[in-house]
Amino acid sequence: MKKLAGTVKILSVFGGLCSSFLILGGYFFLETFRPRMILFETLTPSEEFSLNYVGVGLLFLLAFFLISFFRVLEFLKDAKRISFARLFLLALSVLAFIFVFGDFALLSDINKQYRHGLAQPEWPVLYLVMGGQLISVLILTIAHLLAFRKKRTAKVEKDINVFMIAQYLGLFCGTIGFCFIVLNFFFPRPLWMIKLHVSLTSIFFLMPYVLTVGFWLLIKIREKGAWLDEKQFQDVGRASFLTLIVSLPVMSFLFFWDFFNPNDVLSALWFPFYALLNLALFSFFNLYQNRNLIGKK
């Protein structure tokens, strides 16, 4: 096991270094095309094809962030203490993973606008996202090198850790995803574009939570024990009840708002709005019920 852990550590650090060079290389590569695309100068077929290499680099980056996410998750499963620093690494790997899809979306929009002779305001946003991803890669690479030193815990603590991690991710992904959905109310766009972006946003922000719950299910199936202890069962019940109490008035307000002021945008947003709001609320109330376990030693 120690040999396998050492191999994973070396591969993770190597992947982080490669990802750093890929981001820097991608920036300089794109910067050779940006001035010409802004001026709508014609690119040769070979030059257009070479832009696909940026996509290959993003796939490598996606793999690195996914591996980082599972390595942080595996470490937290056995950690003695769920500290803020460890949760920060988990949130960082999740956010960086999600924003790789943002890179693809921004590059796709830039390419479409270039082909149609339209302005490309996404360039600064793309470079800002890439800068954030470079910082994320460096932090996670240092963590792969120095931070993940296993200290085994009891079986009960391990179960609690995984349960708590799922709630932290539910609160994080649900809240940020909900905010992204709400932003669509303030930026009018064609309905087809809103539907596409909202669908993708919901999937990307739910994905880390679903992966974590799947990880928890695998552990529980392997242990063949009770799914929840008595306290967890009570906490989940209270969290569900409180989520219903809070979400029902919010959705009632949206219903009456749309009823008296028909809005096509709401027809595309109501379900992602409801799903992400409920996820954030349910996770928050579960964490509140388990607040004595936060930062446990």
Protein backbone atom coordinates (compact mmCIF):
# COMPACT_ATOMS: atom_id res chain seq x y z
CA MET A 1 0.00 0.00 0.00
CA LYS A 2 2.85 2.39 0.83
CA LYS A 3 4.44 1.70 -2.55
CA LEU A 4 1.11 2.34 -4.33
CA ALA A 5 0.58 5.55 -2.32
CA GLY A 6 4.09 6.70 -3.25
CA THR A 7 3.42 6.00 -6.94
CA VAL A 8 0.13 7.93 -6.84
CA LYS A 9 1.92 10.82 -5.13
CA ILE A 10 4.65 10.97 -7.79
CA LEU A 11 2.12 10.75 -10.64
CA SER A 12 -0.03 13.46 -9.05
CA VAL A 13 2.91 15.83 -8.63
CA PHE A 14 4.08 15.10 -12.19
CA GLY A 15 0.53 15.72 -13.45
CA GLY A 16 0.45 19.04 -11.59
CA LEU A 17 3.74 20.18 -13.13
CA CYS A 18 2.57 19.15 -16.61
CA SER A 19 -0.75 20.97 -16.05
CA SER A 20 1.12 24.15 -15.06
CA PHE A 21 3.17 24.06 -18.28
CA LEU A 22 0.05 23.30 -20.32
CA ILE A 23 -1.77 26.34 -18.92
CA LEU A 24 1.20 28.62 -19.55
CA GLY A 25 1.72 27.12 -23.00
CA GLY A 26 -1.98 27.47 -23.77
CA TYR A 27 -1.89 31.15 -22.81
CA PHE A 28 1.06 31.98 -25.09
CA PHE A 29 -0.40 29.84 -27.86
CA LEU A 30 -3.78 31.58 -27.69
CA GLU A 31 -2.15 34.98 -27.44
CA THR A 32 -0.58 34.44 -30.88
CA PHE A 33 -4.10 34.08 -32.34
CA ARG A 34 -6.06 36.58 -30.23
CA PRO A 35 -4.96 39.82 -32.02
CA ARG A 36 -5.69 38.31 -35.42
CA MET A 37 -9.08 36.93 -34.37
CA ILE A 38 -10.11 40.28 -32.87
CA LEU A 39 -9.29 41.92 -36.21
CA PHE A 40 -11.10 39.06 -38.03
CA GLU A 41 -8.01 38.14 -40.02
CA THR A 42 -8.29 34.82 -41.84
CA LEU A 43 -6.71 31.80 -40.20
CA THR A 44 -5.40 28.98 -42.34
CA PRO A 45 -7.01 25.52 -41.94
CA SER A 46 -3.85 24.25 -40.26
CA GLU A 47 -3.92 27.16 -37.78
CA GLU A 48 -7.58 26.52 -36.96
CA PHE A 49 -6.84 22.83 -36.47
CA SER A 50 -3.92 23.65 -34.16
CA LEU A 51 -6.39 25.26 -31.76
CA ASN A 52 -7.58 21.73 -30.99
CA TYR A 53 -4.33 21.20 -29.08
CA VAL A 54 -5.65 23.64 -26.47
CA GLY A 55 -8.65 21.33 -26.06
CA VAL A 56 -6.34 18.34 -25.53
CA GLY A 57 -4.51 20.30 -22.84
CA LEU A 58 -7.82 21.10 -21.14
CA LEU A 59 -8.71 17.40 -21.07
CA PHE A 60 -5.39 16.70 -19.30
CA LEU A 61 -6.20 19.51 -16.88
CA LEU A 62 -9.65 18.04 -16.29
CA ALA A 63 -8.07 14.68 -15.42
CA PHE A 64 -5.62 16.31 -12.98
CA PHE A 65 -8.37 18.16 -11.11
CA LEU A 66 -10.52 15.02 -10.99
CA ILE A 67 -7.63 12.98 -9.57
CA SER A 68 -6.95 15.77 -7.07
CA PHE A 69 -10.60 15.75 -6.02
CA PHE A 70 -10.59 11.99 -5.35
CA ARG A 71 -7.23 12.12 -3.60
CA VAL A 72 -8.43 14.88 -1.25
CA LEU A 73 -11.67 12.96 -0.72
CA GLU A 74 -9.79 9.74 0.06
CA PHE A 75 -7.53 11.58 2.48
CA LEU A 76 -10.42 13.30 4.28
CA LYS A 77 -12.18 9.95 4.64
CA ASP A 78 -9.43 8.82 7.01
CA ALA A 79 -8.45 12.18 8.49
CA LYS A 80 -8.61 12.73 12.26
CA ARG A 81 -9.85 16.28 11.77
CA ILE A 82 -11.85 17.96 9.00
CA SER A 83 -10.07 21.30 9.06
CA PHE A 84 -10.73 24.45 7.06
CA ALA A 85 -7.46 24.00 5.12
CA ARG A 86 -8.48 20.51 4.00
CA LEU A 87 -11.96 21.67 3.04
CA PHE A 88 -10.34 24.51 1.09
CA LEU A 89 -8.34 21.98 -0.95
CA LEU A 90 -11.51 20.01 -1.65
CA ALA A 91 -13.43 23.14 -2.70
CA LEU A 92 -10.48 24.31 -4.82
CA SER A 93 -10.28 21.02 -6.73
CA VAL A 94 -14.07 21.09 -7.30
CA LEU A 95 -14.18 24.69 -8.49
CA ALA A 96 -11.14 24.28 -10.74
CA PHE A 97 -12.65 21.09 -12.19
CA ILE A 98 -15.93 22.87 -12.98
CA PHE A 99 -14.20 25.87 -14.57
CA VAL A 100 -12.42 23.64 -17.09
CA PHE A 101 -15.85 23.25 -18.69
CA GLY A 102 -16.05 27.04 -18.56
CA ASP A 103 -12.84 27.14 -20.63
CA PHE A 104 -14.46 24.97 -23.27
CA ALA A 105 -17.59 27.16 -23.30
CA LEU A 106 -15.59 30.40 -23.57
CA LEU A 107 -13.40 29.06 -26.38
CA SER A 108 -16.49 27.82 -28.21
CA ASP A 109 -18.17 31.24 -27.90
CA ILE A 110 -15.02 33.02 -29.08
CA ASN A 111 -14.75 30.75 -32.10
CA LYS A 112 -18.43 31.21 -33.05
CA GLN A 113 -18.22 34.98 -32.72
CA TYR A 114 -15.02 35.09 -34.79
CA ARG A 115 -16.66 33.10 -37.56
CA HIS A 116 -19.68 35.42 -37.59
CA GLY A 117 -17.65 38.62 -37.45
CA LEU A 118 -18.78 39.54 -33.94
CA ALA A 119 -16.87 41.06 -31.03
CA GLN A 120 -15.17 38.63 -28.63
CA PRO A 121 -15.43 40.07 -25.11
CA GLU A 122 -14.72 36.65 -23.57
CA TRP A 123 -10.92 36.89 -24.00
CA PRO A 124 -10.24 38.70 -20.67
CA VAL A 125 -12.60 36.33 -18.85
CA LEU A 126 -10.84 33.31 -20.39
CA TYR A 127 -7.41 34.56 -19.32
CA LEU A 128 -8.72 35.35 -15.83
CA VAL A 129 -10.07 31.80 -15.49
CA MET A 130 -6.80 30.34 -16.76
CA GLY A 131 -4.86 32.42 -14.22
CA GLY A 132 -7.07 31.11 -11.43
CA GLN A 133 -6.57 27.56 -12.67
CA LEU A 134 -2.79 28.01 -12.71
CA ILE A 135 -2.87 29.12 -9.06
CA SER A 136 -5.14 26.16 -8.25
CA VAL A 137 -2.77 23.72 -9.95
CA LEU A 138 0.23 25.06 -8.02
CA ILE A 139 -1.59 24.86 -4.67
CA LEU A 140 -2.85 21.33 -5.35
CA THR A 141 0.59 20.20 -6.57
CA ILE A 142 2.17 21.41 -3.33
CA ALA A 143 -0.61 19.61 -1.42
CA HIS A 144 0.08 16.38 -3.36
CA LEU A 145 3.75 16.73 -2.44
CA LEU A 146 3.43 17.63 1.23
CA ALA A 147 -0.08 17.41 2.68
CA PHE A 148 -1.53 13.93 2.20
CA ARG A 149 -0.07 11.88 5.02
CA LYS A 150 -2.48 9.21 6.14
CA LYS A 151 -3.45 8.67 9.78
CA ARG A 152 -6.02 5.90 10.08
CA THR A 153 -9.14 6.46 12.15
CA ALA A 154 -11.85 4.27 13.56
CA LYS A 155 -14.54 2.94 11.29
CA VAL A 156 -17.27 5.09 12.86
CA GLU A 157 -15.23 8.28 12.41
CA LYS A 158 -14.58 7.36 8.80
CA ASP A 159 -18.33 7.04 8.14
CA ILE A 160 -18.97 10.39 9.80
CA ASN A 161 -16.22 12.00 7.73
CA VAL A 162 -17.72 10.87 4.44
CA PHE A 163 -21.20 11.93 5.54
CA MET A 164 -19.90 15.37 6.55
CA ILE A 165 -17.88 15.81 3.34
CA ALA A 166 -21.01 15.15 1.26
CA GLN A 167 -22.82 17.90 3.19
CA TYR A 168 -19.97 20.38 2.76
CA LEU A 169 -19.91 19.71 -0.98
CA GLY A 170 -23.69 19.93 -1.20
CA LEU A 171 -23.61 23.35 0.47
CA PHE A 172 -20.68 24.56 -1.67
CA CYS A 173 -21.89 23.27 -5.04
CA GLY A 174 -25.55 24.06 -4.36
CA THR A 175 -24.87 27.64 -3.27
CA ILE A 176 -22.49 28.55 -6.10
CA GLY A 177 -24.61 26.77 -8.71
CA PHE A 178 -27.72 28.53 -7.37
CA CYS A 179 -25.97 31.91 -7.71
CA PHE A 180 -25.06 31.14 -11.32
CA ILE A 181 -28.69 30.26 -12.05
CA VAL A 182 -29.94 33.50 -10.44
CA LEU A 183 -27.55 35.55 -12.62
CA ASN A 184 -29.54 34.45 -15.67
CA PHE A 185 -32.44 36.60 -14.49
CA PHE A 186 -30.31 39.73 -14.86
CA PHE A 187 -28.63 39.08 -18.23
CA PRO A 188 -31.21 38.77 -21.03
CA ARG A 189 -30.19 36.34 -23.76
CA PRO A 190 -31.93 34.13 -26.30
CA LEU A 191 -33.96 31.43 -24.56
CA TRP A 192 -32.11 28.59 -26.32
CA MET A 193 -28.81 29.92 -24.98
CA ILE A 194 -30.18 30.20 -21.45
CA LYS A 195 -31.49 26.62 -21.59
CA LEU A 196 -28.13 25.32 -22.83
CA HIS A 197 -26.05 27.19 -20.27
CA VAL A 198 -28.39 26.42 -17.37
CA SER A 199 -28.50 22.71 -18.22
CA LEU A 200 -24.71 22.48 -18.41
CA THR A 201 -24.22 24.60 -15.28
CA SER A 202 -26.58 22.38 -13.27
CA ILE A 203 -24.84 19.20 -14.41
CA PHE A 204 -21.35 20.52 -13.70
CA PHE A 205 -22.20 21.81 -10.23
CA LEU A 206 -24.11 18.67 -9.26
CA MET A 207 -21.38 16.33 -10.54
CA PRO A 208 -18.95 16.63 -7.55
CA TYR A 209 -21.80 16.08 -5.08
CA VAL A 210 -23.07 13.06 -7.01
CA LEU A 211 -19.54 11.59 -7.16
CA THR A 212 -19.13 12.05 -3.40
CA VAL A 213 -22.49 10.47 -2.61
CA GLY A 214 -21.57 7.61 -4.95
CA PHE A 215 -18.28 7.21 -3.05
CA TRP A 216 -20.22 7.11 0.24
CA LEU A 217 -22.64 4.51 -1.18
CA LEU A 218 -19.73 2.27 -2.23
CA ILE A 219 -18.31 2.43 1.29
CA LYS A 220 -21.67 1.59 2.85
CA ILE A 221 -22.29 -1.29 0.43
CA ARG A 222 -18.84 -2.70 1.15
CA GLU A 223 -19.38 -2.48 4.92
CA LYS A 224 -22.88 -4.07 4.72
CA GLY A 225 -23.97 -2.17 7.81
CA ALA A 226 -26.70 0.33 8.60
CA TRP A 227 -26.89 3.19 6.11
CA LEU A 228 -27.38 5.83 8.81
CA ASP A 229 -27.04 5.71 12.57
CA GLU A 230 -29.90 6.93 14.74
CA LYS A 231 -28.60 10.50 15.05
CA GLN A 232 -27.84 10.83 11.33
CA PHE A 233 -31.32 9.55 10.52
CA GLN A 234 -32.88 12.14 12.83
CA ASP A 235 -30.67 14.91 11.41
CA VAL A 236 -31.59 14.02 7.83
CA GLY A 237 -35.28 14.09 8.76
CA ARG A 238 -34.98 17.51 10.41
CA ALA A 239 -32.94 18.86 7.49
CA SER A 240 -35.56 17.62 5.01
CA PHE A 241 -38.37 19.25 7.01
CA LEU A 242 -36.53 22.58 7.31
CA THR A 243 -35.63 22.51 3.61
CA LEU A 244 -39.30 22.09 2.74
CA ILE A 245 -40.32 24.96 5.04
CA VAL A 246 -37.79 27.36 3.49
CA SER A 247 -38.00 26.31 -0.16
CA LEU A 248 -41.81 26.23 -0.38
CA PRO A 249 -42.30 30.01 0.14
CA VAL A 250 -39.47 30.76 -2.32
CA MET A 251 -40.99 28.59 -5.03
CA SER A 252 -44.47 30.00 -4.25
CA PHE A 253 -43.10 33.50 -4.83
CA LEU A 254 -41.63 32.43 -8.20
CA PHE A 255 -44.95 30.84 -9.18
CA PHE A 256 -46.98 33.99 -8.46
CA TRP A 257 -44.34 36.21 -10.03
CA ASP A 258 -44.56 34.20 -13.24
CA PHE A 259 -48.35 33.94 -12.96
CA PHE A 260 -48.90 37.69 -12.92
CA ASN A 261 -45.90 38.54 -15.09
CA PRO A 262 -45.33 35.68 -17.57
CA ASN A 263 -41.64 35.23 -18.14
CA ASP A 264 -40.26 32.67 -20.57
CA VAL A 265 -36.90 32.75 -18.78
CA LEU A 266 -38.44 31.30 -15.64
CA SER A 267 -39.73 28.30 -17.62
CA ALA A 268 -36.09 27.36 -18.26
CA LEU A 269 -34.81 28.21 -14.79
CA TRP A 270 -37.36 27.01 -12.25
CA PHE A 271 -36.21 23.38 -11.91
CA PRO A 272 -32.42 24.03 -11.71
CA PHE A 273 -33.26 26.90 -9.33
CA TYR A 274 -35.31 24.53 -7.15
CA ALA A 275 -32.83 21.62 -7.28
CA LEU A 276 -29.74 23.66 -6.38
CA LEU A 277 -31.59 25.66 -3.72
CA ASN A 278 -32.80 22.45 -2.07
CA LEU A 279 -29.32 20.91 -2.22
CA ALA A 280 -27.77 23.97 -0.55
CA LEU A 281 -30.49 24.18 2.12
CA PHE A 282 -30.52 20.44 2.88
CA SER A 283 -26.72 20.36 3.24
CA PHE A 284 -26.70 23.54 5.37
CA PHE A 285 -29.29 22.19 7.81
CA ASN A 286 -27.46 18.86 8.05
CA LEU A 287 -24.22 20.69 8.85
CA TYR A 288 -26.03 22.82 11.41
CA GLN A 289 -27.41 19.69 13.10
CA ASN A 290 -23.87 18.23 13.14
CA ARG A 291 -22.10 21.48 14.10
CA ASN A 292 -20.48 19.78 17.13
CA LEU A 293 -18.63 17.49 14.70
CA ILE A 294 -17.15 20.36 12.65
CA GLY A 295 -13.43 20.60 13.30
CA LYS A 296 -13.58 17.52 15.55
CA LYS A 297 -10.34 16.13 16.87
